[in-house]
Structures are given as C-alpha cells and as structure tokens.
Amino acid sequence: MTMLIKQAKTVEDAIQLALEELQVDRDRVEVEVLEEASKGLFGLLGVKPAKIQVTVLENPLETVVHFVQGVCKRMGADVTAQVAEVEDAVTMDITGQNLGLLIGKHGQTLNALQYLANVVFNRSTKEHQRLVLDIGGYRARREETLVRLAERLAEKAKRTGRKVMLEPMNAQERRIIHTALQGDKHIVTFSEGEEPYRKVVIALK
C-alpha cells in the first residue's frame, strides 16, 4: 500500500501535489488531513501549511490477478490471467502451461484456487462480488460432461425405477445437474448430505 505525506498552503493544493507525484486520479486515493492550514498573529506571521496523508487505494482486479499468478507460479505453472466484469460477477480466465496441475481431479484444485481468489478479491473491494475462475476453458467442458451425465443417469432412473446418487459435488456443479433435468416431467432432483460431501439424487417423481 502506497502512502505519501504532503504539505502546501491549502489542503487542496497538497492533494494536487500528491496526485501529481503519485500519478493517480483523485478517486484512487484516500485523503487524511493531518493539520489544517492556519495563519499567525493578525494573519501576518507564522503561516502554518496544511499537512495531509494520501493513501493509494488498491485496485481489486489488479490485486487478485497478481495473487493468482503468484500462486500458480509457486505451483510450477507460468500463466497469464485476464479478467472481465459481467452482470453479477467477475470472470478470470487463465491460460499458460501445466494447466492440468492447476485444475486437479474434477476441478478440485481449481475450485480451491477460486475460493482463495474470492477471499483476496472481496477483501479489497467495498461491494461483495462473485469471482468465477476458469482455466483453459475447463468449466465449459465440465458443464457439458455433467449435463450428459445427468441425462444418462436420469434415463437409468427411469429404466430401473430406482433413485440414482451422484458423487459429491460443489454447489455450482450441483446446480448444473438440477438445471439440466428441471424440464424432465418424470424426474425430480434434490441434494442430500453435508458440505463438502453433499450429493445430487436423481429419482422418479
């Protein structure tokens, strides 16, 4: 975090000097007035300048990109991260080498990295936002796999008349299963168990 103390005839003059030196816009800093400007006896002697402390606010996107790239590098993967703001979330796409190492079995490492990235991101922003982390297009491929799995197991439930229980999944993946089968008038889906072992159950209505 960058901080700077400046003095000038007025608070506004001191702020302007600080912005010029730091080369940032006014909305990127927090200003604390340490001493107000004052004049001496009869306004003639002992003029006292204004003194301020300017703190540069962190850019949440830059902070989380730096964090994720640093973690990936320590794991042995040199990556590039690109972020974009969508309707109700921020997306981060990671490209580079050794991506399988970062994804892990069924995306477990990716989900852990996404959790940490959300903690870092929302620690440096005033409004809570959801950050969705993706690596090499994995989430789209995983969604396609889960939809096919849901359809196949729904047919099994219809054929056998018995409910089918899937392996434990995170909330995002369970939602994909529920959404994929919500239009099937013969099937009902629900979740059972406690996190992180909560599972989707597919059954006949």
C-alpha atoms as a PDB file:
ATOM      1  CA  MET A   1       0.000   0.000   0.000  1.00  0.00           C
ATOM      2  CA  THR A   2       1.500   3.358  -1.074  1.00  0.00           C
ATOM      3  CA  MET A   3       1.262   6.350   1.286  1.00  0.00           C
ATOM      4  CA  LEU A   4       2.545   9.882   0.913  1.00  0.00           C
ATOM      5  CA  ILE A   5       2.573  12.923   3.220  1.00  0.00           C
ATOM      6  CA  LYS A   6       2.409  16.368   1.624  1.00  0.00           C
ATOM      7  CA  GLN A   7       2.311  19.989   2.816  1.00  0.00           C
ATOM      8  CA  ALA A   8       1.029  23.078   0.999  1.00  0.00           C
ATOM      9  CA  LYS A   9      -0.757  26.360   1.623  1.00  0.00           C
ATOM     10  CA  THR A  10      -4.148  24.647   1.461  1.00  0.00           C
ATOM     11  CA  VAL A  11      -5.462  21.091   1.715  1.00  0.00           C
ATOM     12  CA  GLU A  12      -6.500  21.116  -1.955  1.00  0.00           C
ATOM     13  CA  ASP A  13      -3.043  22.293  -3.031  1.00  0.00           C
ATOM     14  CA  ALA A  14      -1.458  19.494  -1.009  1.00  0.00           C
ATOM     15  CA  ILE A  15      -3.813  16.936  -2.562  1.00  0.00           C
ATOM     16  CA  GLN A  16      -2.955  18.141  -6.043  1.00  0.00           C
ATOM     17  CA  LEU A  17       0.783  17.882  -5.336  1.00  0.00           C
ATOM     18  CA  ALA A  18       0.302  14.328  -4.047  1.00  0.00           C
ATOM     19  CA  LEU A  19      -1.758  13.251  -7.078  1.00  0.00           C
ATOM     20  CA  GLU A  20       0.861  14.620  -9.443  1.00  0.00           C
ATOM     21  CA  GLU A  21       3.669  12.819  -7.657  1.00  0.00           C
ATOM     22  CA  LEU A  22       1.772   9.534  -7.384  1.00  0.00           C
ATOM     23  CA  GLN A  23       0.364   9.873 -10.923  1.00  0.00           C
ATOM     24  CA  VAL A  24      -3.112   8.689  -9.936  1.00  0.00           C
ATOM     25  CA  ASP A  25      -6.640  10.108 -10.162  1.00  0.00           C
ATOM     26  CA  ARG A  26      -8.489  11.575  -7.168  1.00  0.00           C
ATOM     27  CA  ASP A  27     -10.854   8.597  -6.893  1.00  0.00           C
ATOM     28  CA  ARG A  28      -7.900   6.232  -6.457  1.00  0.00           C
ATOM     29  CA  VAL A  29      -6.754   7.761  -3.170  1.00  0.00           C
ATOM     30  CA  GLU A  30      -7.917   8.254   0.385  1.00  0.00           C
ATOM     31  CA  VAL A  31      -7.004  11.586   1.997  1.00  0.00           C
ATOM     32  CA  GLU A  32      -6.487  12.190   5.717  1.00  0.00           C
ATOM     33  CA  VAL A  33      -5.963  15.777   6.866  1.00  0.00           C
ATOM     34  CA  LEU A  34      -3.226  15.731   9.492  1.00  0.00           C
ATOM     35  CA  GLU A  35      -3.061  19.502  10.046  1.00  0.00           C
ATOM     36  CA  GLU A  36      -5.253  22.285   8.724  1.00  0.00           C
ATOM     37  CA  ALA A  37      -3.577  25.415   7.304  1.00  0.00           C
ATOM     38  CA  SER A  38      -3.532  28.353   9.700  1.00  0.00           C
ATOM     39  CA  LYS A  39      -2.148  31.869   9.914  1.00  0.00           C
ATOM     40  CA  GLY A  40      -0.194  33.501  12.721  1.00  0.00           C
ATOM     41  CA  LEU A  41      -0.939  36.615  14.709  1.00  0.00           C
ATOM     42  CA  PHE A  42      -3.182  39.049  12.795  1.00  0.00           C
ATOM     43  CA  GLY A  43      -2.838  36.758   9.781  1.00  0.00           C
ATOM     44  CA  LEU A  44       0.673  38.055   9.146  1.00  0.00           C
ATOM     45  CA  LEU A  45       3.208  35.926  10.977  1.00  0.00           C
ATOM     46  CA  GLY A  46       3.856  32.209  11.408  1.00  0.00           C
ATOM     47  CA  VAL A  47       1.839  30.888   8.493  1.00  0.00           C
ATOM     48  CA  LYS A  48       1.273  27.157   9.037  1.00  0.00           C
ATOM     49  CA  PRO A  49       0.795  24.962   5.936  1.00  0.00           C
ATOM     50  CA  ALA A  50      -1.807  22.234   5.563  1.00  0.00           C
ATOM     51  CA  LYS A  51      -0.492  18.704   6.032  1.00  0.00           C
ATOM     52  CA  ILE A  52      -2.168  15.625   4.590  1.00  0.00           C
ATOM     53  CA  GLN A  53      -1.581  11.902   4.234  1.00  0.00           C
ATOM     54  CA  VAL A  54      -2.615  10.336   0.934  1.00  0.00           C
ATOM     55  CA  THR A  55      -3.080   6.564   0.624  1.00  0.00           C
ATOM     56  CA  VAL A  56      -3.413   4.915  -2.777  1.00  0.00           C
ATOM     57  CA  LEU A  57      -6.349   2.510  -2.743  1.00  0.00           C
ATOM     58  CA  GLU A  58      -5.751  -0.986  -4.038  1.00  0.00           C
ATOM     59  CA  ASN A  59      -7.257  -1.930  -7.382  1.00  0.00           C
ATOM     60  CA  PRO A  60      -9.161  -5.160  -6.546  1.00  0.00           C
ATOM     61  CA  LEU A  61      -8.736  -6.619 -10.043  1.00  0.00           C
ATOM     62  CA  GLU A  62      -5.006  -5.935 -10.161  1.00  0.00           C
ATOM     63  CA  THR A  63      -4.616  -7.329  -6.654  1.00  0.00           C
ATOM     64  CA  VAL A  64      -6.394 -10.620  -7.365  1.00  0.00           C
ATOM     65  CA  VAL A  65      -4.618 -11.108 -10.716  1.00  0.00           C
ATOM     66  CA  HIS A  66      -1.246 -10.636  -9.015  1.00  0.00           C
ATOM     67  CA  PHE A  67      -2.272 -13.070  -6.261  1.00  0.00           C
ATOM     68  CA  VAL A  68      -3.483 -15.814  -8.627  1.00  0.00           C
ATOM     69  CA  GLN A  69      -0.475 -15.540 -10.926  1.00  0.00           C
ATOM     70  CA  GLY A  70       1.813 -15.718  -7.891  1.00  0.00           C
ATOM     71  CA  VAL A  71       0.125 -18.863  -6.526  1.00  0.00           C
ATOM     72  CA  CYS A  72       0.226 -20.537  -9.946  1.00  0.00           C
ATOM     73  CA  LYS A  73       3.912 -19.716 -10.358  1.00  0.00           C
ATOM     74  CA  ARG A  74       4.726 -21.261  -6.981  1.00  0.00           C
ATOM     75  CA  MET A  75       2.837 -24.378  -8.112  1.00  0.00           C
ATOM     76  CA  GLY A  76       5.077 -24.610 -11.178  1.00  0.00           C
ATOM     77  CA  ALA A  77       2.788 -23.024 -13.785  1.00  0.00           C
ATOM     78  CA  ASP A  78       3.650 -19.806 -15.596  1.00  0.00           C
ATOM     79  CA  VAL A  79       0.265 -18.340 -16.531  1.00  0.00           C
ATOM     80  CA  THR A  80      -1.496 -15.243 -17.797  1.00  0.00           C
ATOM     81  CA  ALA A  81      -4.750 -14.117 -16.199  1.00  0.00           C
ATOM     82  CA  GLN A  82      -7.392 -11.994 -17.932  1.00  0.00           C
ATOM     83  CA  VAL A  83     -10.338 -10.519 -16.044  1.00  0.00           C
ATOM     84  CA  ALA A  84     -13.690  -9.192 -17.218  1.00  0.00           C
ATOM     85  CA  GLU A  85     -16.707  -7.795 -15.392  1.00  0.00           C
ATOM     86  CA  VAL A  86     -20.041  -9.371 -16.325  1.00  0.00           C
ATOM     87  CA  GLU A  87     -23.579  -8.810 -14.991  1.00  0.00           C
ATOM     88  CA  ASP A  88     -23.270 -10.092 -11.430  1.00  0.00           C
ATOM     89  CA  ALA A  89     -19.725 -11.388 -11.260  1.00  0.00           C
ATOM     90  CA  VAL A  90     -16.126 -11.001 -12.311  1.00  0.00           C
ATOM     91  CA  THR A  91     -14.589 -13.695 -14.503  1.00  0.00           C
ATOM     92  CA  MET A  92     -10.910 -14.600 -14.640  1.00  0.00           C
ATOM     93  CA  ASP A  93      -9.578 -16.806 -17.435  1.00  0.00           C
ATOM     94  CA  ILE A  94      -6.162 -18.380 -17.000  1.00  0.00           C
ATOM     95  CA  THR A  95      -4.011 -19.531 -19.908  1.00  0.00           C
ATOM     96  CA  GLY A  96      -0.491 -20.912 -19.987  1.00  0.00           C
ATOM     97  CA  GLN A  97       1.472 -24.112 -19.381  1.00  0.00           C
ATOM     98  CA  ASN A  98       0.870 -27.037 -16.970  1.00  0.00           C
ATOM     99  CA  LEU A  99      -2.808 -26.136 -16.638  1.00  0.00           C
ATOM    100  CA  GLY A 100      -3.806 -29.671 -15.652  1.00  0.00           C
ATOM    101  CA  LEU A 101      -1.826 -29.220 -12.442  1.00  0.00           C
ATOM    102  CA  LEU A 102      -3.968 -26.198 -11.595  1.00  0.00           C
ATOM    103  CA  ILE A 103      -7.280 -27.902 -12.378  1.00  0.00           C
ATOM    104  CA  GLY A 104      -6.842 -31.087 -10.363  1.00  0.00           C
ATOM    105  CA  LYS A 105      -9.212 -34.060 -10.195  1.00  0.00           C
ATOM    106  CA  HIS A 106     -12.711 -32.957 -11.235  1.00  0.00           C
ATOM    107  CA  GLY A 107     -11.602 -29.343 -10.810  1.00  0.00           C
ATOM    108  CA  GLN A 108     -10.858 -29.632  -7.082  1.00  0.00           C
ATOM    109  CA  THR A 109      -7.643 -27.589  -7.261  1.00  0.00           C
ATOM    110  CA  LEU A 110      -9.348 -25.028  -9.494  1.00  0.00           C
ATOM    111  CA  ASN A 111     -12.215 -24.663  -7.023  1.00  0.00           C
ATOM    112  CA  ALA A 112      -9.788 -24.220  -4.118  1.00  0.00           C
ATOM    113  CA  LEU A 113      -7.913 -21.566  -6.077  1.00  0.00           C
ATOM    114  CA  GLN A 114     -11.208 -19.845  -6.918  1.00  0.00           C
ATOM    115  CA  TYR A 115     -12.149 -19.783  -3.220  1.00  0.00           C
ATOM    116  CA  LEU A 116      -8.838 -18.140  -2.268  1.00  0.00           C
ATOM    117  CA  ALA A 117      -9.139 -15.662  -5.147  1.00  0.00           C
ATOM    118  CA  ASN A 118     -12.613 -14.646  -3.917  1.00  0.00           C
ATOM    119  CA  VAL A 119     -11.264 -14.034  -0.410  1.00  0.00           C
ATOM    120  CA  VAL A 120      -8.470 -11.816  -1.740  1.00  0.00           C
ATOM    121  CA  PHE A 121     -10.736 -10.012  -4.209  1.00  0.00           C
ATOM    122  CA  ASN A 122     -13.523  -9.164  -1.768  1.00  0.00           C
ATOM    123  CA  ARG A 123     -11.067  -8.111   0.924  1.00  0.00           C
ATOM    124  CA  SER A 124     -10.032  -5.169  -1.252  1.00  0.00           C
ATOM    125  CA  THR A 125     -13.423  -4.101  -2.623  1.00  0.00           C
ATOM    126  CA  LYS A 126     -16.303  -2.346  -0.858  1.00  0.00           C
ATOM    127  CA  GLU A 127     -19.091  -4.274  -2.594  1.00  0.00           C
ATOM    128  CA  HIS A 128     -19.121  -8.071  -2.451  1.00  0.00           C
ATOM    129  CA  GLN A 129     -18.833  -9.617  -5.900  1.00  0.00           C
ATOM    130  CA  ARG A 130     -18.534 -13.228  -7.025  1.00  0.00           C
ATOM    131  CA  LEU A 131     -15.358 -14.098  -8.903  1.00  0.00           C
ATOM    132  CA  VAL A 132     -15.534 -17.076 -11.277  1.00  0.00           C
ATOM    133  CA  LEU A 133     -12.153 -18.583 -12.089  1.00  0.00           C
ATOM    134  CA  ASP A 134     -11.643 -20.685 -15.218  1.00  0.00           C
ATOM    135  CA  ILE A 135      -8.554 -22.399 -16.582  1.00  0.00           C
ATOM    136  CA  GLY A 136      -8.192 -23.170 -20.274  1.00  0.00           C
ATOM    137  CA  GLY A 137     -11.972 -23.382 -20.817  1.00  0.00           C
ATOM    138  CA  TYR A 138     -12.288 -26.203 -18.263  1.00  0.00           C
ATOM    139  CA  ARG A 139     -15.613 -25.071 -16.793  1.00  0.00           C
ATOM    140  CA  ALA A 140     -17.437 -25.173 -20.148  1.00  0.00           C
ATOM    141  CA  ARG A 141     -16.106 -28.682 -20.819  1.00  0.00           C
ATOM    142  CA  ARG A 142     -17.015 -29.795 -17.308  1.00  0.00           C
ATOM    143  CA  GLU A 143     -20.543 -28.410 -17.699  1.00  0.00           C
ATOM    144  CA  GLU A 144     -21.035 -30.377 -20.932  1.00  0.00           C
ATOM    145  CA  THR A 145     -19.798 -33.526 -19.178  1.00  0.00           C
ATOM    146  CA  LEU A 146     -22.159 -33.004 -16.241  1.00  0.00           C
ATOM    147  CA  VAL A 147     -25.174 -32.376 -18.481  1.00  0.00           C
ATOM    148  CA  ARG A 148     -24.510 -35.616 -20.397  1.00  0.00           C
ATOM    149  CA  LEU A 149     -24.032 -37.454 -17.090  1.00  0.00           C
ATOM    150  CA  ALA A 150     -27.303 -36.059 -15.721  1.00  0.00           C
ATOM    151  CA  GLU A 151     -29.241 -37.128 -18.819  1.00  0.00           C
ATOM    152  CA  ARG A 152     -27.702 -40.610 -18.794  1.00  0.00           C
ATOM    153  CA  LEU A 153     -28.432 -41.177 -15.102  1.00  0.00           C
ATOM    154  CA  ALA A 154     -31.972 -39.836 -15.495  1.00  0.00           C
ATOM    155  CA  GLU A 155     -32.592 -42.499 -18.124  1.00  0.00           C
ATOM    156  CA  LYS A 156     -31.165 -45.099 -15.747  1.00  0.00           C
ATOM    157  CA  ALA A 157     -33.568 -43.953 -13.011  1.00  0.00           C
ATOM    158  CA  LYS A 158     -36.500 -44.263 -15.430  1.00  0.00           C
ATOM    159  CA  ARG A 159     -35.360 -47.689 -16.623  1.00  0.00           C
ATOM    160  CA  THR A 160     -34.758 -49.205 -13.190  1.00  0.00           C
ATOM    161  CA  GLY A 161     -37.310 -47.259 -11.175  1.00  0.00           C
ATOM    162  CA  ARG A 162     -34.656 -46.623  -8.535  1.00  0.00           C
ATOM    163  CA  LYS A 163     -33.068 -43.375  -7.462  1.00  0.00           C
ATOM    164  CA  VAL A 164     -29.513 -42.642  -8.525  1.00  0.00           C
ATOM    165  CA  MET A 165     -26.994 -40.824  -6.313  1.00  0.00           C
ATOM    166  CA  LEU A 166     -24.089 -38.906  -7.848  1.00  0.00           C
ATOM    167  CA  GLU A 167     -20.664 -38.336  -6.340  1.00  0.00           C
ATOM    168  CA  PRO A 168     -20.153 -35.323  -4.023  1.00  0.00           C
ATOM    169  CA  MET A 169     -20.074 -32.016  -5.906  1.00  0.00           C
ATOM    170  CA  ASN A 170     -19.758 -28.344  -5.052  1.00  0.00           C
ATOM    171  CA  ALA A 171     -22.830 -26.091  -5.191  1.00  0.00           C
ATOM    172  CA  GLN A 172     -22.030 -24.786  -8.665  1.00  0.00           C
ATOM    173  CA  GLU A 173     -21.853 -28.277 -10.195  1.00  0.00           C
ATOM    174  CA  ARG A 174     -24.952 -29.485  -8.340  1.00  0.00           C
ATOM    175  CA  ARG A 175     -26.807 -26.519  -9.813  1.00  0.00           C
ATOM    176  CA  ILE A 176     -25.810 -27.661 -13.311  1.00  0.00           C
ATOM    177  CA  ILE A 177     -27.329 -31.115 -12.661  1.00  0.00           C
ATOM    178  CA  HIS A 178     -30.565 -29.651 -11.275  1.00  0.00           C
ATOM    179  CA  THR A 179     -30.890 -27.217 -14.199  1.00  0.00           C
ATOM    180  CA  ALA A 180     -30.195 -29.906 -16.810  1.00  0.00           C
ATOM    181  CA  LEU A 181     -33.084 -32.056 -15.564  1.00  0.00           C
ATOM    182  CA  GLN A 182     -35.617 -29.473 -14.415  1.00  0.00           C
ATOM    183  CA  GLY A 183     -37.563 -29.794 -17.670  1.00  0.00           C
ATOM    184  CA  ASP A 184     -37.977 -33.592 -17.386  1.00  0.00           C
ATOM    185  CA  LYS A 185     -41.557 -34.205 -16.174  1.00  0.00           C
ATOM    186  CA  HIS A 186     -40.708 -37.737 -14.987  1.00  0.00           C
ATOM    187  CA  ILE A 187     -37.679 -36.833 -12.894  1.00  0.00           C
ATOM    188  CA  VAL A 188     -37.056 -34.940  -9.656  1.00  0.00           C
ATOM    189  CA  THR A 189     -33.640 -33.935  -8.302  1.00  0.00           C
ATOM    190  CA  PHE A 190     -32.601 -32.935  -4.802  1.00  0.00           C
ATOM    191  CA  SER A 191     -29.443 -32.753  -2.729  1.00  0.00           C
ATOM    192  CA  GLU A 192     -28.517 -34.787   0.340  1.00  0.00           C
ATOM    193  CA  GLY A 193     -25.670 -34.686   2.855  1.00  0.00           C
ATOM    194  CA  GLU A 194     -23.464 -32.032   4.381  1.00  0.00           C
ATOM    195  CA  GLU A 195     -20.748 -29.997   2.682  1.00  0.00           C
ATOM    196  CA  PRO A 196     -18.272 -30.871   1.304  1.00  0.00           C
ATOM    197  CA  TYR A 197     -19.889 -34.297   0.728  1.00  0.00           C
ATOM    198  CA  ARG A 198     -23.297 -33.073  -0.456  1.00  0.00           C
ATOM    199  CA  LYS A 199     -24.631 -35.118  -3.391  1.00  0.00           C
ATOM    200  CA  VAL A 200     -27.361 -34.799  -6.015  1.00  0.00           C
ATOM    201  CA  VAL A 201     -30.035 -37.505  -6.057  1.00  0.00           C
ATOM    202  CA  ILE A 202     -31.993 -38.251  -9.247  1.00  0.00           C
ATOM    203  CA  ALA A 203     -35.321 -40.021  -8.740  1.00  0.00           C
ATOM    204  CA  LEU A 204     -38.665 -40.656 -10.383  1.00  0.00           C
ATOM    205  CA  LYS A 205     -41.470 -38.266  -9.452  1.00  0.00           C
END
